[in-house]
Every structure is written in C-alpha cells, then in structure tokens.
All heavy atoms as atom14 arrays in JSON, in Angstrom:
{
  "sequence": "MNLSLYIYKEMVGANRYGISMVAGLVTVFMGLIVMVFVNILQR",
  "atom14_mask": [
    [1, 1, 1, 1, 1, 1, 1, 1, 0, 0, 0, 0, 0, 0],
    [1, 1, 1, 1, 1, 1, 1, 1, 0, 0, 0, 0, 0, 0],
    [1, 1, 1, 1, 1, 1, 1, 1, 0, 0, 0, 0, 0, 0],
    [1, 1, 1, 1, 1, 1, 0, 0, 0, 0, 0, 0, 0, 0],
    [1, 1, 1, 1, 1, 1, 1, 1, 0, 0, 0, 0, 0, 0],
    [1, 1, 1, 1, 1, 1, 1, 1, 1, 1, 1, 1, 0, 0],
    [1, 1, 1, 1, 1, 1, 1, 1, 0, 0, 0, 0, 0, 0],
    [1, 1, 1, 1, 1, 1, 1, 1, 1, 1, 1, 1, 0, 0],
    [1, 1, 1, 1, 1, 1, 1, 1, 1, 0, 0, 0, 0, 0],
    [1, 1, 1, 1, 1, 1, 1, 1, 1, 0, 0, 0, 0, 0],
    [1, 1, 1, 1, 1, 1, 1, 1, 0, 0, 0, 0, 0, 0],
    [1, 1, 1, 1, 1, 1, 1, 0, 0, 0, 0, 0, 0, 0],
    [1, 1, 1, 1, 0, 0, 0, 0, 0, 0, 0, 0, 0, 0],
    [1, 1, 1, 1, 1, 0, 0, 0, 0, 0, 0, 0, 0, 0],
    [1, 1, 1, 1, 1, 1, 1, 1, 0, 0, 0, 0, 0, 0],
    [1, 1, 1, 1, 1, 1, 1, 1, 1, 1, 1, 0, 0, 0],
    [1, 1, 1, 1, 1, 1, 1, 1, 1, 1, 1, 1, 0, 0],
    [1, 1, 1, 1, 0, 0, 0, 0, 0, 0, 0, 0, 0, 0],
    [1, 1, 1, 1, 1, 1, 1, 1, 0, 0, 0, 0, 0, 0],
    [1, 1, 1, 1, 1, 1, 0, 0, 0, 0, 0, 0, 0, 0],
    [1, 1, 1, 1, 1, 1, 1, 1, 0, 0, 0, 0, 0, 0],
    [1, 1, 1, 1, 1, 1, 1, 0, 0, 0, 0, 0, 0, 0],
    [1, 1, 1, 1, 1, 0, 0, 0, 0, 0, 0, 0, 0, 0],
    [1, 1, 1, 1, 0, 0, 0, 0, 0, 0, 0, 0, 0, 0],
    [1, 1, 1, 1, 1, 1, 1, 1, 0, 0, 0, 0, 0, 0],
    [1, 1, 1, 1, 1, 1, 1, 0, 0, 0, 0, 0, 0, 0],
    [1, 1, 1, 1, 1, 1, 1, 0, 0, 0, 0, 0, 0, 0],
    [1, 1, 1, 1, 1, 1, 1, 0, 0, 0, 0, 0, 0, 0],
    [1, 1, 1, 1, 1, 1, 1, 1, 1, 1, 1, 0, 0, 0],
    [1, 1, 1, 1, 1, 1, 1, 1, 0, 0, 0, 0, 0, 0],
    [1, 1, 1, 1, 0, 0, 0, 0, 0, 0, 0, 0, 0, 0],
    [1, 1, 1, 1, 1, 1, 1, 1, 0, 0, 0, 0, 0, 0],
    [1, 1, 1, 1, 1, 1, 1, 1, 0, 0, 0, 0, 0, 0],
    [1, 1, 1, 1, 1, 1, 1, 0, 0, 0, 0, 0, 0, 0],
    [1, 1, 1, 1, 1, 1, 1, 1, 0, 0, 0, 0, 0, 0],
    [1, 1, 1, 1, 1, 1, 1, 0, 0, 0, 0, 0, 0, 0],
    [1, 1, 1, 1, 1, 1, 1, 1, 1, 1, 1, 0, 0, 0],
    [1, 1, 1, 1, 1, 1, 1, 0, 0, 0, 0, 0, 0, 0],
    [1, 1, 1, 1, 1, 1, 1, 1, 0, 0, 0, 0, 0, 0],
    [1, 1, 1, 1, 1, 1, 1, 1, 0, 0, 0, 0, 0, 0],
    [1, 1, 1, 1, 1, 1, 1, 1, 0, 0, 0, 0, 0, 0],
    [1, 1, 1, 1, 1, 1, 1, 1, 1, 0, 0, 0, 0, 0],
    [1, 1, 1, 1, 1, 1, 1, 1, 1, 1, 1, 0, 0, 0]
  ],
  "atom14_positions": [
    [[49.53, 71.32, 59.01], [50.35, 72.35, 59.65], [50.91, 73.33, 58.62], [51.37, 72.91, 57.53], [51.53, 71.68, 60.35], [52.44, 72.63, 61.12], [51.62, 73.28, 62.61], [51.54, 71.76, 63.59], [0.0, 0.0, 0.0], [0.0, 0.0, 0.0], [0.0, 0.0, 0.0], [0.0, 0.0, 0.0], [0.0, 0.0, 0.0], [0.0, 0.0, 0.0]],
    [[50.81, 74.6, 58.88], [51.44, 75.6, 58.02], [52.35, 76.5, 58.89], [52.41, 76.31, 60.1], [50.41, 76.41, 57.23], [49.56, 77.31, 58.11], [49.65, 77.28, 59.34], [48.73, 78.15, 57.51], [0.0, 0.0, 0.0], [0.0, 0.0, 0.0], [0.0, 0.0, 0.0], [0.0, 0.0, 0.0], [0.0, 0.0, 0.0], [0.0, 0.0, 0.0]],
    [[53.0, 77.47, 58.28], [54.0, 78.24, 59.02], [53.36, 79.08, 60.13], [53.94, 79.19, 61.22], [54.78, 79.15, 58.05], [55.87, 78.43, 57.22], [56.45, 79.36, 56.17], [56.97, 77.91, 58.14], [0.0, 0.0, 0.0], [0.0, 0.0, 0.0], [0.0, 0.0, 0.0], [0.0, 0.0, 0.0], [0.0, 0.0, 0.0], [0.0, 0.0, 0.0]],
    [[52.22, 79.69, 59.86], [51.57, 80.5, 60.88], [51.22, 79.68, 62.11], [51.46, 80.11, 63.26], [50.32, 81.16, 60.31], [50.63, 82.05, 59.28], [0.0, 0.0, 0.0], [0.0, 0.0, 0.0], [0.0, 0.0, 0.0], [0.0, 0.0, 0.0], [0.0, 0.0, 0.0], [0.0, 0.0, 0.0], [0.0, 0.0, 0.0], [0.0, 0.0, 0.0]],
    [[50.67, 78.49, 61.9], [50.29, 77.61, 63.0], [51.55, 77.07, 63.7], [51.55, 76.9, 64.93], [49.39, 76.48, 62.5], [48.78, 75.57, 63.56], [48.0, 76.39, 64.58], [47.87, 74.52, 62.9], [0.0, 0.0, 0.0], [0.0, 0.0, 0.0], [0.0, 0.0, 0.0], [0.0, 0.0, 0.0], [0.0, 0.0, 0.0], [0.0, 0.0, 0.0]],
    [[52.55, 76.76, 62.94], [53.82, 76.26, 63.53], [54.41, 77.3, 64.48], [54.84, 76.98, 65.59], [54.8, 75.92, 62.41], [56.12, 75.35, 62.88], [56.26, 73.99, 63.12], [57.23, 76.18, 63.12], [57.46, 73.44, 63.53], [58.42, 75.65, 63.56], [58.54, 74.3, 63.77], [59.73, 73.77, 64.21], [0.0, 0.0, 0.0], [0.0, 0.0, 0.0]],
    [[54.43, 78.56, 64.03], [54.95, 79.64, 64.88], [54.15, 79.75, 66.17], [54.69, 79.87, 67.25], [54.91, 80.97, 64.1], [55.92, 80.93, 62.96], [55.23, 82.15, 65.02], [55.78, 82.09, 61.99], [0.0, 0.0, 0.0], [0.0, 0.0, 0.0], [0.0, 0.0, 0.0], [0.0, 0.0, 0.0], [0.0, 0.0, 0.0], [0.0, 0.0, 0.0]],
    [[52.82, 79.7, 66.02], [51.92, 79.79, 67.2], [52.17, 78.65, 68.19], [52.31, 78.87, 69.41], [50.47, 79.77, 66.74], [49.46, 79.62, 67.85], [49.07, 80.71, 68.61], [48.94, 78.38, 68.16], [48.15, 80.59, 69.64], [48.02, 78.23, 69.2], [47.63, 79.31, 69.94], [46.73, 79.17, 70.97], [0.0, 0.0, 0.0], [0.0, 0.0, 0.0]],
    [[52.3, 77.43, 67.66], [52.44, 76.27, 68.58], [53.8, 76.31, 69.27], [53.9, 75.92, 70.44], [52.27, 74.98, 67.78], [50.82, 74.73, 67.37], [50.57, 73.27, 67.06], [49.09, 72.99, 66.93], [48.76, 71.56, 66.8], [0.0, 0.0, 0.0], [0.0, 0.0, 0.0], [0.0, 0.0, 0.0], [0.0, 0.0, 0.0], [0.0, 0.0, 0.0]],
    [[54.83, 76.72, 68.55], [56.15, 76.78, 69.18], [56.23, 77.91, 70.21], [56.88, 77.75, 71.26], [57.23, 77.0, 68.11], [57.45, 75.79, 67.2], [57.98, 74.57, 67.96], [58.7, 74.77, 68.97], [57.66, 73.45, 67.56], [0.0, 0.0, 0.0], [0.0, 0.0, 0.0], [0.0, 0.0, 0.0], [0.0, 0.0, 0.0], [0.0, 0.0, 0.0]],
    [[55.54, 79.01, 69.95], [55.61, 80.15, 70.86], [54.68, 79.97, 72.05], [55.09, 80.12, 73.2], [55.27, 81.45, 70.11], [55.3, 82.69, 70.99], [54.85, 84.2, 70.1], [56.23, 84.32, 68.97], [0.0, 0.0, 0.0], [0.0, 0.0, 0.0], [0.0, 0.0, 0.0], [0.0, 0.0, 0.0], [0.0, 0.0, 0.0], [0.0, 0.0, 0.0]],
    [[53.41, 79.66, 71.77], [52.4, 79.63, 72.85], [52.32, 78.25, 73.47], [52.2, 78.11, 74.68], [51.03, 80.02, 72.28], [49.95, 79.93, 73.36], [51.07, 81.43, 71.7], [0.0, 0.0, 0.0], [0.0, 0.0, 0.0], [0.0, 0.0, 0.0], [0.0, 0.0, 0.0], [0.0, 0.0, 0.0], [0.0, 0.0, 0.0], [0.0, 0.0, 0.0]],
    [[52.38, 77.21, 72.64], [52.23, 75.86, 73.17], [53.48, 75.3, 73.83], [53.38, 74.66, 74.88], [0.0, 0.0, 0.0], [0.0, 0.0, 0.0], [0.0, 0.0, 0.0], [0.0, 0.0, 0.0], [0.0, 0.0, 0.0], [0.0, 0.0, 0.0], [0.0, 0.0, 0.0], [0.0, 0.0, 0.0], [0.0, 0.0, 0.0], [0.0, 0.0, 0.0]],
    [[54.63, 75.56, 73.22], [55.87, 74.98, 73.74], [56.8, 75.99, 74.41], [57.82, 75.61, 74.96], [56.62, 74.26, 72.63], [0.0, 0.0, 0.0], [0.0, 0.0, 0.0], [0.0, 0.0, 0.0], [0.0, 0.0, 0.0], [0.0, 0.0, 0.0], [0.0, 0.0, 0.0], [0.0, 0.0, 0.0], [0.0, 0.0, 0.0], [0.0, 0.0, 0.0]],
    [[56.45, 77.3, 74.35], [57.28, 78.34, 74.94], [58.71, 78.35, 74.39], [59.65, 78.73, 75.09], [57.33, 78.22, 76.47], [56.0, 78.55, 77.11], [55.3, 79.45, 76.67], [55.63, 77.8, 78.14], [0.0, 0.0, 0.0], [0.0, 0.0, 0.0], [0.0, 0.0, 0.0], [0.0, 0.0, 0.0], [0.0, 0.0, 0.0], [0.0, 0.0, 0.0]],
    [[58.83, 77.96, 73.14], [60.15, 77.98, 72.48], [60.19, 79.19, 71.54], [59.98, 79.08, 70.36], [60.4, 76.68, 71.74], [60.56, 75.49, 72.7], [60.98, 74.23, 72.0], [59.91, 73.68, 71.16], [59.87, 72.39, 70.77], [60.83, 71.56, 71.14], [58.89, 71.96, 70.01], [0.0, 0.0, 0.0], [0.0, 0.0, 0.0], [0.0, 0.0, 0.0]],
    [[60.51, 80.33, 72.12], [60.43, 81.57, 71.38], [61.49, 81.67, 70.3], [61.26, 82.23, 69.24], [60.55, 82.77, 72.34], [59.36, 82.87, 73.29], [59.4, 82.3, 74.55], [58.2, 83.51, 72.87], [58.33, 82.39, 75.42], [57.12, 83.61, 73.73], [57.17, 83.04, 75.01], [56.09, 83.13, 75.84], [0.0, 0.0, 0.0], [0.0, 0.0, 0.0]],
    [[62.67, 81.09, 70.58], [63.73, 81.12, 69.58], [63.34, 80.35, 68.33], [63.59, 80.79, 67.19], [0.0, 0.0, 0.0], [0.0, 0.0, 0.0], [0.0, 0.0, 0.0], [0.0, 0.0, 0.0], [0.0, 0.0, 0.0], [0.0, 0.0, 0.0], [0.0, 0.0, 0.0], [0.0, 0.0, 0.0], [0.0, 0.0, 0.0], [0.0, 0.0, 0.0]],
    [[62.71, 79.2, 68.53], [62.28, 78.37, 67.4], [61.22, 79.12, 66.59], [61.24, 79.14, 65.36], [61.71, 77.02, 67.9], [62.76, 76.28, 68.73], [61.23, 76.18, 66.71], [64.0, 75.91, 67.96], [0.0, 0.0, 0.0], [0.0, 0.0, 0.0], [0.0, 0.0, 0.0], [0.0, 0.0, 0.0], [0.0, 0.0, 0.0], [0.0, 0.0, 0.0]],
    [[60.27, 79.75, 67.31], [59.2, 80.46, 66.6], [59.75, 81.66, 65.84], [59.27, 82.0, 64.76], [58.13, 80.92, 67.59], [58.65, 81.86, 68.51], [0.0, 0.0, 0.0], [0.0, 0.0, 0.0], [0.0, 0.0, 0.0], [0.0, 0.0, 0.0], [0.0, 0.0, 0.0], [0.0, 0.0, 0.0], [0.0, 0.0, 0.0], [0.0, 0.0, 0.0]],
    [[60.79, 82.3, 66.37], [61.4, 83.45, 65.7], [62.08, 83.01, 64.39], [62.0, 83.69, 63.37], [62.38, 84.16, 66.61], [61.72, 84.94, 67.74], [62.93, 85.76, 68.81], [63.61, 86.95, 67.66], [0.0, 0.0, 0.0], [0.0, 0.0, 0.0], [0.0, 0.0, 0.0], [0.0, 0.0, 0.0], [0.0, 0.0, 0.0], [0.0, 0.0, 0.0]],
    [[62.75, 81.86, 64.43], [63.4, 81.34, 63.21], [62.32, 81.03, 62.16], [62.48, 81.37, 60.98], [64.23, 80.09, 63.54], [64.72, 79.46, 62.23], [65.4, 80.44, 64.43], [0.0, 0.0, 0.0], [0.0, 0.0, 0.0], [0.0, 0.0, 0.0], [0.0, 0.0, 0.0], [0.0, 0.0, 0.0], [0.0, 0.0, 0.0], [0.0, 0.0, 0.0]],
    [[61.23, 80.37, 62.59], [60.15, 80.1, 61.67], [59.55, 81.37, 61.11], [59.15, 81.46, 59.95], [59.08, 79.24, 62.36], [0.0, 0.0, 0.0], [0.0, 0.0, 0.0], [0.0, 0.0, 0.0], [0.0, 0.0, 0.0], [0.0, 0.0, 0.0], [0.0, 0.0, 0.0], [0.0, 0.0, 0.0], [0.0, 0.0, 0.0], [0.0, 0.0, 0.0]],
    [[59.49, 82.41, 61.95], [58.96, 83.69, 61.52], [59.87, 84.32, 60.47], [59.4, 84.92, 59.51], [0.0, 0.0, 0.0], [0.0, 0.0, 0.0], [0.0, 0.0, 0.0], [0.0, 0.0, 0.0], [0.0, 0.0, 0.0], [0.0, 0.0, 0.0], [0.0, 0.0, 0.0], [0.0, 0.0, 0.0], [0.0, 0.0, 0.0], [0.0, 0.0, 0.0]],
    [[61.18, 84.17, 60.65], [62.13, 84.71, 59.66], [61.94, 84.01, 58.31], [62.05, 84.65, 57.26], [63.57, 84.5, 60.17], [64.01, 85.44, 61.29], [65.4, 85.03, 61.76], [64.01, 86.9, 60.81], [0.0, 0.0, 0.0], [0.0, 0.0, 0.0], [0.0, 0.0, 0.0], [0.0, 0.0, 0.0], [0.0, 0.0, 0.0], [0.0, 0.0, 0.0]],
    [[61.7, 82.72, 58.33], [61.44, 81.97, 57.09], [60.2, 82.51, 56.42], [60.15, 82.7, 55.19], [61.32, 80.46, 57.37], [60.89, 79.71, 56.11], [62.65, 79.9, 57.9], [0.0, 0.0, 0.0], [0.0, 0.0, 0.0], [0.0, 0.0, 0.0], [0.0, 0.0, 0.0], [0.0, 0.0, 0.0], [0.0, 0.0, 0.0], [0.0, 0.0, 0.0]],
    [[59.16, 82.78, 57.22], [57.91, 83.34, 56.67], [58.16, 84.7, 56.03], [57.66, 85.0, 54.95], [56.86, 83.45, 57.78], [56.67, 82.18, 58.43], [55.51, 83.9, 57.17], [0.0, 0.0, 0.0], [0.0, 0.0, 0.0], [0.0, 0.0, 0.0], [0.0, 0.0, 0.0], [0.0, 0.0, 0.0], [0.0, 0.0, 0.0], [0.0, 0.0, 0.0]],
    [[58.97, 85.53, 56.72], [59.29, 86.86, 56.18], [60.08, 86.7, 54.88], [59.83, 87.42, 53.89], [60.12, 87.67, 57.21], [60.67, 88.94, 56.55], [59.26, 88.01, 58.41], [0.0, 0.0, 0.0], [0.0, 0.0, 0.0], [0.0, 0.0, 0.0], [0.0, 0.0, 0.0], [0.0, 0.0, 0.0], [0.0, 0.0, 0.0], [0.0, 0.0, 0.0]],
    [[60.99, 85.73, 54.83], [61.78, 85.5, 53.62], [60.87, 85.08, 52.47], [61.03, 85.55, 51.33], [62.82, 84.41, 53.88], [63.66, 84.06, 52.69], [64.61, 84.94, 52.23], [63.45, 82.86, 52.0], [65.38, 84.61, 51.12], [64.2, 82.54, 50.91], [65.18, 83.41, 50.45], [0.0, 0.0, 0.0], [0.0, 0.0, 0.0], [0.0, 0.0, 0.0]],
    [[59.89, 84.22, 52.74], [58.95, 83.83, 51.7], [58.13, 85.04, 51.25], [57.81, 85.19, 50.07], [58.04, 82.72, 52.19], [58.76, 81.4, 52.46], [57.68, 80.09, 53.09], [56.68, 79.75, 51.65], [0.0, 0.0, 0.0], [0.0, 0.0, 0.0], [0.0, 0.0, 0.0], [0.0, 0.0, 0.0], [0.0, 0.0, 0.0], [0.0, 0.0, 0.0]],
    [[57.78, 85.92, 52.2], [57.06, 87.15, 51.84], [57.9, 88.05, 50.93], [57.37, 88.65, 49.99], [0.0, 0.0, 0.0], [0.0, 0.0, 0.0], [0.0, 0.0, 0.0], [0.0, 0.0, 0.0], [0.0, 0.0, 0.0], [0.0, 0.0, 0.0], [0.0, 0.0, 0.0], [0.0, 0.0, 0.0], [0.0, 0.0, 0.0], [0.0, 0.0, 0.0]],
    [[59.19, 88.11, 51.21], [60.09, 88.91, 50.34], [60.15, 88.34, 48.93], [60.18, 89.1, 47.96], [61.48, 88.97, 50.96], [61.64, 89.77, 52.25], [63.05, 89.63, 52.8], [61.31, 91.26, 51.99], [0.0, 0.0, 0.0], [0.0, 0.0, 0.0], [0.0, 0.0, 0.0], [0.0, 0.0, 0.0], [0.0, 0.0, 0.0], [0.0, 0.0, 0.0]],
    [[60.15, 87.0, 48.83], [60.13, 86.38, 47.51], [58.87, 86.76, 46.76], [58.88, 87.05, 45.56], [60.26, 84.85, 47.66], [61.64, 84.47, 48.2], [60.03, 84.16, 46.31], [61.81, 82.99, 48.49], [0.0, 0.0, 0.0], [0.0, 0.0, 0.0], [0.0, 0.0, 0.0], [0.0, 0.0, 0.0], [0.0, 0.0, 0.0], [0.0, 0.0, 0.0]],
    [[57.75, 86.77, 47.48], [56.47, 87.15, 46.88], [56.56, 88.58, 46.37], [56.11, 88.9, 45.25], [55.31, 87.01, 47.87], [54.04, 87.68, 47.36], [55.06, 85.54, 48.17], [0.0, 0.0, 0.0], [0.0, 0.0, 0.0], [0.0, 0.0, 0.0], [0.0, 0.0, 0.0], [0.0, 0.0, 0.0], [0.0, 0.0, 0.0], [0.0, 0.0, 0.0]],
    [[57.12, 89.49, 47.18], [57.23, 90.89, 46.79], [58.14, 91.08, 45.57], [57.87, 91.88, 44.69], [57.73, 91.73, 47.96], [56.76, 91.86, 49.1], [55.12, 92.41, 48.61], [55.49, 94.0, 47.92], [0.0, 0.0, 0.0], [0.0, 0.0, 0.0], [0.0, 0.0, 0.0], [0.0, 0.0, 0.0], [0.0, 0.0, 0.0], [0.0, 0.0, 0.0]],
    [[59.23, 90.31, 45.52], [60.11, 90.36, 44.35], [59.37, 89.89, 43.11], [59.48, 90.5, 42.04], [61.37, 89.49, 44.59], [62.16, 89.34, 43.28], [62.26, 90.11, 45.67], [0.0, 0.0, 0.0], [0.0, 0.0, 0.0], [0.0, 0.0, 0.0], [0.0, 0.0, 0.0], [0.0, 0.0, 0.0], [0.0, 0.0, 0.0], [0.0, 0.0, 0.0]],
    [[58.58, 88.83, 43.26], [57.8, 88.31, 42.15], [56.8, 89.37, 41.64], [56.67, 89.6, 40.45], [57.06, 87.06, 42.61], [56.12, 86.46, 41.59], [56.58, 86.06, 40.35], [54.75, 86.33, 41.89], [55.71, 85.5, 39.4], [53.89, 85.79, 40.96], [54.36, 85.39, 39.73], [0.0, 0.0, 0.0], [0.0, 0.0, 0.0], [0.0, 0.0, 0.0]],
    [[56.14, 90.03, 42.56], [55.18, 91.07, 42.2], [55.89, 92.26, 41.54], [55.41, 92.81, 40.53], [54.4, 91.56, 43.43], [53.56, 92.8, 43.11], [53.52, 90.44, 43.97], [0.0, 0.0, 0.0], [0.0, 0.0, 0.0], [0.0, 0.0, 0.0], [0.0, 0.0, 0.0], [0.0, 0.0, 0.0], [0.0, 0.0, 0.0], [0.0, 0.0, 0.0]],
    [[57.07, 92.64, 42.05], [57.8, 93.76, 41.46], [58.26, 93.42, 40.04], [58.28, 94.29, 39.17], [59.02, 94.1, 42.33], [58.63, 94.85, 43.56], [57.65, 95.58, 43.57], [59.41, 94.71, 44.64], [0.0, 0.0, 0.0], [0.0, 0.0, 0.0], [0.0, 0.0, 0.0], [0.0, 0.0, 0.0], [0.0, 0.0, 0.0], [0.0, 0.0, 0.0]],
    [[58.64, 92.17, 39.8], [59.02, 91.74, 38.45], [57.84, 91.89, 37.49], [57.98, 92.38, 36.36], [59.56, 90.31, 38.46], [60.89, 90.24, 39.2], [59.69, 89.77, 37.04], [61.4, 88.83, 39.41], [0.0, 0.0, 0.0], [0.0, 0.0, 0.0], [0.0, 0.0, 0.0], [0.0, 0.0, 0.0], [0.0, 0.0, 0.0], [0.0, 0.0, 0.0]],
    [[56.65, 91.48, 37.96], [55.46, 91.61, 37.12], [55.18, 93.07, 36.83], [54.8, 93.43, 35.71], [54.26, 90.97, 37.83], [54.3, 89.42, 37.99], [53.05, 88.95, 38.76], [54.35, 88.75, 36.62], [0.0, 0.0, 0.0], [0.0, 0.0, 0.0], [0.0, 0.0, 0.0], [0.0, 0.0, 0.0], [0.0, 0.0, 0.0], [0.0, 0.0, 0.0]],
    [[55.31, 93.91, 37.84], [55.07, 95.36, 37.64], [56.08, 95.97, 36.68], [55.74, 96.79, 35.83], [55.1, 96.09, 38.99], [53.92, 95.8, 39.88], [54.03, 96.51, 41.21], [55.12, 96.7, 41.74], [52.89, 96.9, 41.77], [0.0, 0.0, 0.0], [0.0, 0.0, 0.0], [0.0, 0.0, 0.0], [0.0, 0.0, 0.0], [0.0, 0.0, 0.0]],
    [[57.33, 95.53, 36.78], [58.36, 96.07, 35.88], [58.1, 95.66, 34.46], [58.24, 96.44, 33.5], [59.75, 95.56, 36.34], [60.92, 96.31, 35.68], [62.24, 95.83, 36.2], [62.33, 96.02, 37.66], [62.44, 95.05, 38.56], [62.43, 93.79, 38.13], [62.53, 95.32, 39.81], [0.0, 0.0, 0.0], [0.0, 0.0, 0.0], [0.0, 0.0, 0.0]]
  ]
}
C-alpha cells in the first residue's frame, strides 16, 4: 500500500472522502518537502 492507492481505496472503495482528503494533504505536504529539497540543491 502507498499513499496514492490509499487515497483511491478510501475515496472509491469506502466512500470516505474526508479520510482520502486528509491522506491527500499528507501527500501534498511530502511533495512540498521534495520541492524544498530541490530548491536547496538549486540554491
């Protein structure tokens, strides 16, 4: 299980949209960490 699949299963499989949105926010947060890491390398 990874975050993308977890979001899909909670949204489509279990119809728990609130849970999938929280998991999506965590994914976005991890993406922001990646972007900060890349910006540090560029700097």
